[in-house]
């Protein structure tokens, strides 16, 4: 019992010791807090506003390829290799395409897109105009310059892709409703909306082209096998499968919204979505003060005090 009381008193004494220690540095701590607060404000003010444009999409019905029961075995006997029945989820396919390098290459080959990705300096909200970095973009010739950043020569395809995917693009699928939300972030609200319009248009076209090419190849294969086949049962099946592929091609040609319907169209955002400057200032100041307090306690343990004559190098090199 006595040991427990002594242990508790020891904790109180240690706590009082450190409170007294920090109180003796109150002027230093207040000055440091103000200094780091000013640095945090300056840093937060230097960050550009970020605007987010968003589109909400509803997927069309998944396309399925159905094979009548027993046909695969019958076709195999006749020497015809037919694919297995399968359901193709165009939504999952489209989202994989959206984050692929092949899809990004469509935009990378557009100089206007690329300069808004890698050469922007800041957005003038008053004039609704983008100011570009002269070291990266030549306004006279309207061309990008080759420039080095972190030891990498730009505009690099892979690093441009990573910057676009990690900094500007985000998407998610609601597992309950199946709705897909795609968002684009940019310093310019106008560019954010324009990019999102292009992404939606190009994504539908890209997946449509993939499915058209697949349907055409399969239709040509079936037509070739139909011309060589003499079995009436196989003829009927192949004709039905060819009809399915023709329907797929007709559907692709008839609809611009091949994968998604638009529920909520993208708009030019009026309000910024970042950065949260208040949080940045609070977190920066709090972390800085924690480091300073931790440093004071560590120095006190080694019987050092922060004074005008304090030599940090001597303390660090002390053995």
Protein backbone atom coordinates (compact mmCIF):
# COMPACT_ATOMS: atom_id res chain seq x y z
CA UNK A 1 0.00 0.00 0.00
CA UNK A 2 2.86 2.35 0.95
CA UNK A 3 4.65 1.53 -2.33
CA UNK A 4 1.53 2.44 -4.33
CA UNK A 5 1.22 5.80 -2.51
CA UNK A 6 4.90 6.56 -3.08
CA UNK A 7 4.56 5.62 -6.76
CA UNK A 8 1.57 7.95 -7.15
CA UNK A 9 3.40 10.80 -5.41
CA UNK A 10 6.40 10.22 -7.68
CA UNK A 11 4.19 10.59 -10.76
CA UNK A 12 2.72 13.84 -9.39
CA UNK A 13 6.20 15.18 -8.66
CA UNK A 14 7.39 14.33 -12.19
CA UNK A 15 4.31 15.97 -13.70
CA UNK A 16 4.81 19.09 -11.61
CA UNK A 17 8.45 19.13 -12.62
CA UNK A 18 7.65 19.17 -16.32
CA UNK A 19 4.83 21.69 -15.91
CA UNK A 20 7.25 23.96 -14.04
CA UNK A 21 9.88 23.35 -16.73
CA UNK A 22 7.54 24.32 -19.56
CA UNK A 23 6.25 27.31 -17.58
CA UNK A 24 9.82 28.57 -17.31
CA UNK A 25 9.94 28.54 -21.11
CA UNK A 26 6.54 30.20 -21.54
CA UNK A 27 7.89 33.23 -23.43
CA UNK A 28 9.93 30.99 -25.69
CA UNK A 29 6.96 28.68 -26.31
CA UNK A 30 4.59 31.58 -27.06
CA UNK A 31 7.11 33.14 -29.46
CA UNK A 32 7.69 29.77 -31.13
CA UNK A 33 3.95 29.15 -31.45
CA UNK A 34 3.45 32.57 -33.08
CA UNK A 35 6.41 31.96 -35.41
CA UNK A 36 5.17 28.55 -36.54
CA UNK A 37 1.64 29.92 -36.81
CA UNK A 38 2.83 32.65 -39.18
CA UNK A 39 4.81 30.09 -41.23
CA UNK A 40 1.74 27.85 -41.41
CA UNK A 41 -0.47 30.73 -42.58
CA UNK A 42 2.05 31.77 -45.25
CA UNK A 43 2.34 28.18 -46.45
CA UNK A 44 -1.43 27.63 -46.49
CA UNK A 45 -1.95 30.89 -48.38
CA UNK A 46 0.59 29.78 -51.01
CA UNK A 47 -1.42 26.67 -51.86
CA UNK A 48 -3.71 27.07 -54.88
CA UNK A 49 -7.44 26.53 -54.62
CA UNK A 50 -8.63 23.18 -55.96
CA UNK A 51 -12.02 22.73 -57.62
CA UNK A 52 -13.84 19.44 -58.16
CA UNK A 53 -16.32 18.63 -60.89
CA UNK A 54 -18.37 15.46 -60.53
CA UNK A 55 -20.60 13.30 -62.72
CA UNK A 56 -23.04 10.61 -61.58
CA UNK A 57 -23.66 7.73 -63.98
CA UNK A 58 -26.11 4.86 -64.13
CA UNK A 59 -24.90 1.72 -65.90
CA UNK A 60 -26.83 0.07 -68.68
CA UNK A 61 -27.71 -3.60 -68.38
CA UNK A 62 -24.75 -5.95 -68.59
CA UNK A 63 -24.38 -7.69 -71.91
CA UNK A 64 -24.40 -11.46 -71.83
CA UNK A 65 -23.35 -14.05 -74.32
CA UNK A 66 -25.61 -17.07 -74.00
CA UNK A 67 -24.85 -20.47 -75.48
CA UNK A 68 -27.71 -22.97 -75.86
CA UNK A 69 -27.29 -26.12 -73.77
CA UNK A 70 -25.28 -28.86 -75.46
CA UNK A 71 -24.22 -26.71 -78.41
CA UNK A 72 -20.56 -26.46 -77.36
CA UNK A 73 -20.20 -30.23 -77.35
CA UNK A 74 -21.99 -30.57 -80.68
CA UNK A 75 -19.83 -27.85 -82.22
CA UNK A 76 -16.68 -29.49 -80.87
CA UNK A 77 -17.63 -32.71 -82.67
CA UNK A 78 -17.94 -30.70 -85.87
CA UNK A 79 -14.51 -29.14 -85.21
CA UNK A 80 -15.82 -25.66 -84.25
CA UNK A 81 -14.44 -23.99 -81.11
CA UNK A 82 -17.08 -21.80 -79.45
CA UNK A 83 -16.54 -19.62 -76.36
CA UNK A 84 -18.21 -20.49 -73.08
CA UNK A 85 -21.31 -18.61 -71.97
CA UNK A 86 -20.34 -15.64 -69.86
CA UNK A 87 -21.67 -12.39 -68.48
CA UNK A 88 -19.64 -9.31 -69.31
CA UNK A 89 -19.88 -6.59 -66.68
CA UNK A 90 -19.28 -3.48 -68.71
CA UNK A 91 -19.17 -1.27 -65.61
CA UNK A 92 -16.20 -3.09 -64.06
CA UNK A 93 -14.54 -3.26 -67.47
CA UNK A 94 -15.05 0.49 -67.96
CA UNK A 95 -13.59 1.37 -64.57
CA UNK A 96 -10.51 -0.72 -65.32
CA UNK A 97 -10.22 1.04 -68.68
CA UNK A 98 -10.59 4.42 -66.96
CA UNK A 99 -7.46 3.85 -64.86
CA UNK A 100 -5.43 2.23 -67.64
CA UNK A 101 -2.43 3.75 -69.40
CA UNK A 102 -3.89 2.93 -72.81
CA UNK A 103 -6.92 5.10 -72.08
CA UNK A 104 -4.78 7.92 -70.67
CA UNK A 105 -2.70 7.90 -73.87
CA UNK A 106 -5.70 9.39 -75.71
CA UNK A 107 -5.41 12.50 -73.53
CA UNK A 108 -1.62 12.50 -73.36
CA UNK A 109 -1.44 12.98 -77.13
CA UNK A 110 -3.49 16.18 -76.80
CA UNK A 111 -1.16 19.14 -76.18
CA UNK A 112 -3.93 21.28 -74.69
CA UNK A 113 -4.67 18.62 -72.10
CA UNK A 114 -1.00 18.09 -71.35
CA UNK A 115 -0.21 21.75 -70.75
CA UNK A 116 -3.13 21.99 -68.29
CA UNK A 117 -1.74 18.92 -66.54
CA UNK A 118 1.97 19.71 -66.19
CA UNK A 119 2.55 23.39 -67.09
CA UNK A 120 -0.04 25.29 -65.05
CA UNK A 121 1.35 27.93 -62.68
CA UNK A 122 -1.85 29.25 -61.14
CA UNK A 123 -5.47 30.03 -61.91
CA UNK A 124 -6.60 33.67 -62.00
CA UNK A 125 -10.14 33.43 -60.67
CA UNK A 126 -10.79 37.13 -61.30
CA UNK A 127 -10.17 36.84 -65.04
CA UNK A 128 -11.06 33.13 -65.20
CA UNK A 129 -7.75 32.48 -66.93
CA UNK A 130 -4.92 30.01 -66.46
CA UNK A 131 -1.38 31.31 -66.08
CA UNK A 132 1.29 28.93 -67.33
CA UNK A 133 4.88 28.46 -66.22
CA UNK A 134 7.17 30.06 -68.82
CA UNK A 135 9.80 27.40 -68.12
CA UNK A 136 7.36 24.67 -69.17
CA UNK A 137 5.19 26.28 -71.82
CA UNK A 138 5.88 28.66 -74.71
CA UNK A 139 2.77 30.79 -75.35
CA UNK A 140 4.17 32.19 -78.60
CA UNK A 141 4.36 28.79 -80.29
CA UNK A 142 1.68 27.17 -78.09
CA UNK A 143 3.97 24.24 -77.35
CA UNK A 144 5.30 22.53 -74.25
CA UNK A 145 8.96 22.80 -73.42
CA UNK A 146 11.07 19.92 -72.20
CA UNK A 147 11.85 20.50 -68.55
CA UNK A 148 13.35 18.54 -65.69
CA UNK A 149 11.53 17.93 -62.42
CA UNK A 150 13.04 15.85 -59.60
CA UNK A 151 15.60 14.50 -62.02
CA UNK A 152 12.95 13.36 -64.53
CA UNK A 153 12.59 14.84 -68.02
CA UNK A 154 9.04 16.04 -68.70
CA UNK A 155 6.62 15.64 -70.28
CA UNK A 156 7.16 11.98 -69.37
CA UNK A 157 4.28 9.68 -70.27
CA UNK A 158 4.43 7.51 -67.15
CA UNK A 159 4.88 10.40 -64.69
CA UNK A 160 2.13 12.40 -66.43
CA UNK A 161 -0.14 9.37 -66.07
CA UNK A 162 0.68 9.01 -62.36
CA UNK A 163 0.08 12.70 -61.77
CA UNK A 164 -3.29 12.55 -63.51
CA UNK A 165 -4.50 9.39 -61.76
CA UNK A 166 -3.21 10.26 -58.27
CA UNK A 167 -3.83 14.00 -58.17
CA UNK A 168 -6.73 14.74 -60.50
CA UNK A 169 -8.91 11.65 -61.08
CA UNK A 170 -11.08 9.68 -58.67
CA UNK A 171 -14.06 7.37 -59.10
CA UNK A 172 -16.15 5.00 -57.05
CA UNK A 173 -18.94 2.50 -57.58
CA UNK A 174 -21.87 2.17 -55.20
CA UNK A 175 -22.17 -1.57 -54.58
CA UNK A 176 -25.86 -1.28 -53.60
CA UNK A 177 -27.18 0.81 -56.50
CA UNK A 178 -24.46 0.20 -59.09
CA UNK A 179 -24.18 3.96 -59.70
CA UNK A 180 -20.74 5.26 -60.63
CA UNK A 181 -19.36 8.62 -59.56
CA UNK A 182 -16.37 10.13 -61.38
CA UNK A 183 -14.64 13.26 -60.09
CA UNK A 184 -11.93 15.47 -61.53
CA UNK A 185 -9.92 17.94 -59.43
CA UNK A 186 -8.05 20.88 -60.91
CA UNK A 187 -6.83 24.38 -60.07
CA UNK A 188 -9.20 25.66 -62.76
CA UNK A 189 -12.93 24.88 -62.33
CA UNK A 190 -13.42 25.24 -66.09
CA UNK A 191 -10.72 22.67 -66.88
CA UNK A 192 -12.11 20.28 -64.27
CA UNK A 193 -15.50 20.30 -66.00
CA UNK A 194 -14.02 20.06 -69.50
CA UNK A 195 -11.85 17.09 -68.55
CA UNK A 196 -14.81 15.31 -67.01
CA UNK A 197 -16.91 15.81 -70.15
CA UNK A 198 -14.10 14.38 -72.25
CA UNK A 199 -13.54 11.44 -69.92
CA UNK A 200 -17.20 10.43 -70.06
CA UNK A 201 -17.34 10.77 -73.86
CA UNK A 202 -14.04 8.98 -74.50
CA UNK A 203 -14.79 6.20 -72.00
CA UNK A 204 -18.05 5.29 -73.72
CA UNK A 205 -16.36 5.41 -77.13
CA UNK A 206 -13.36 3.38 -75.98
CA UNK A 207 -15.42 0.54 -74.51
CA UNK A 208 -17.81 0.68 -77.47
CA UNK A 209 -14.89 0.27 -79.89
CA UNK A 210 -13.57 -2.67 -77.86
CA UNK A 211 -16.93 -4.47 -77.95
CA UNK A 212 -17.48 -3.67 -81.65
CA UNK A 213 -14.09 -5.11 -82.53
CA UNK A 214 -14.79 -8.20 -80.44
CA UNK A 215 -18.25 -8.69 -81.99
CA UNK A 216 -16.90 -8.21 -85.52
CA UNK A 217 -14.12 -10.74 -85.02
CA UNK A 218 -16.51 -13.29 -83.57
CA UNK A 219 -19.09 -12.65 -86.31
CA UNK A 220 -16.46 -13.13 -89.02
CA UNK A 221 -15.30 -16.34 -87.36
CA UNK A 222 -18.86 -17.68 -87.12
CA UNK A 223 -19.57 -16.75 -90.77
CA UNK A 224 -16.45 -18.58 -91.87
CA UNK A 225 -17.41 -21.70 -89.89
CA UNK A 226 -21.00 -21.50 -91.18
CA UNK A 227 -19.78 -21.58 -94.77
CA UNK A 228 -17.79 -24.79 -94.06
CA UNK A 229 -20.46 -26.59 -92.01
CA UNK A 230 -22.97 -29.12 -93.43
CA UNK A 231 -24.90 -30.01 -90.25
CA UNK A 232 -28.37 -28.37 -90.10
CA UNK A 233 -28.31 -28.26 -86.28
CA UNK A 234 -24.99 -26.40 -86.23
CA UNK A 235 -26.16 -24.08 -89.03
CA UNK A 236 -29.11 -22.97 -86.91
CA UNK A 237 -26.93 -22.35 -83.86
CA UNK A 238 -24.27 -20.43 -85.78
CA UNK A 239 -26.91 -18.30 -87.48
CA UNK A 240 -28.39 -17.44 -84.07
CA UNK A 241 -24.98 -16.49 -82.70
CA UNK A 242 -24.24 -14.35 -85.74
CA UNK A 243 -27.56 -12.58 -85.16
CA UNK A 244 -26.51 -11.83 -81.57
CA UNK A 245 -23.25 -10.24 -82.74
CA UNK A 246 -25.10 -8.15 -85.34
CA UNK A 247 -27.45 -6.94 -82.59
CA UNK A 248 -24.42 -5.98 -80.48
CA UNK A 249 -22.98 -3.99 -83.39
CA UNK A 250 -26.30 -2.27 -84.06
CA UNK A 251 -26.66 -1.33 -80.39
CA UNK A 252 -23.15 0.11 -80.36
CA UNK A 253 -23.86 2.22 -83.44
CA UNK A 254 -27.26 3.41 -82.23
CA UNK A 255 -26.23 4.72 -78.79
CA UNK A 256 -23.59 7.23 -77.72
CA UNK A 257 -24.09 6.25 -74.08
CA UNK A 258 -22.95 2.69 -74.61
CA UNK A 259 -21.99 1.93 -70.99
CA UNK A 260 -23.50 4.68 -68.83
CA UNK A 261 -26.51 6.95 -68.69
CA UNK A 262 -25.92 10.39 -67.16
CA UNK A 263 -27.93 11.03 -64.00
CA UNK A 264 -26.18 14.21 -62.89
CA UNK A 265 -24.20 16.13 -65.52
CA UNK A 266 -20.84 17.72 -64.67
CA UNK A 267 -20.85 21.44 -63.92
CA UNK A 268 -18.26 24.18 -63.47
CA UNK A 269 -17.79 24.26 -59.66
CA UNK A 270 -18.21 27.62 -57.98
CA UNK A 271 -16.82 26.67 -54.56
CA UNK A 272 -13.37 25.28 -53.89
CA UNK A 273 -13.01 21.82 -52.37
CA UNK A 274 -9.52 22.35 -51.05
CA UNK A 275 -7.16 22.95 -49.50
CA UNK A 276 -8.57 23.24 -45.96
CA UNK A 277 -6.26 26.02 -44.82
CA UNK A 278 -7.61 26.16 -41.26
CA UNK A 279 -6.82 22.47 -40.69
CA UNK A 280 -3.38 22.90 -42.26
CA UNK A 281 -2.55 25.81 -39.93
CA UNK A 282 -3.83 24.02 -36.82
CA UNK A 283 -2.05 20.75 -37.59
CA UNK A 284 1.22 22.43 -38.59
CA UNK A 285 1.27 24.59 -35.45
CA UNK A 286 0.27 21.72 -33.13
CA UNK A 287 2.89 19.32 -34.52
CA UNK A 288 5.58 22.01 -34.40
CA UNK A 289 4.77 22.83 -30.77
CA UNK A 290 4.81 19.16 -29.84
CA UNK A 291 8.28 18.82 -31.36
CA UNK A 292 9.52 21.91 -29.49
CA UNK A 293 8.10 20.67 -26.15
CA UNK A 294 9.61 17.23 -26.73
CA UNK A 295 12.98 18.85 -27.48
CA UNK A 296 12.86 20.94 -24.28
CA UNK A 297 12.15 17.84 -22.17
CA UNK A 298 14.93 15.84 -23.85
CA UNK A 299 17.41 18.69 -23.29
CA UNK A 300 16.37 18.93 -19.64
CA UNK A 301 17.02 15.22 -19.15
CA UNK A 302 20.61 15.82 -20.33
CA UNK A 303 20.84 18.98 -18.17
CA UNK A 304 20.86 21.36 -21.12
CA UNK A 305 18.81 24.54 -21.29
CA UNK A 306 17.84 26.58 -24.32
CA UNK A 307 19.63 29.90 -23.89
CA UNK A 308 21.17 32.37 -26.30
CA UNK A 309 24.49 30.59 -25.76
CA UNK A 310 23.05 27.10 -26.35
CA UNK A 311 25.06 25.19 -28.95
CA UNK A 312 22.93 22.53 -30.64
CA UNK A 313 25.87 21.13 -32.61
CA UNK A 314 27.84 20.61 -29.43
CA UNK A 315 24.88 18.86 -27.82
CA UNK A 316 24.36 16.52 -30.78
CA UNK A 317 28.04 15.60 -30.99
CA UNK A 318 28.41 15.07 -27.25
CA UNK A 319 29.37 11.51 -26.38
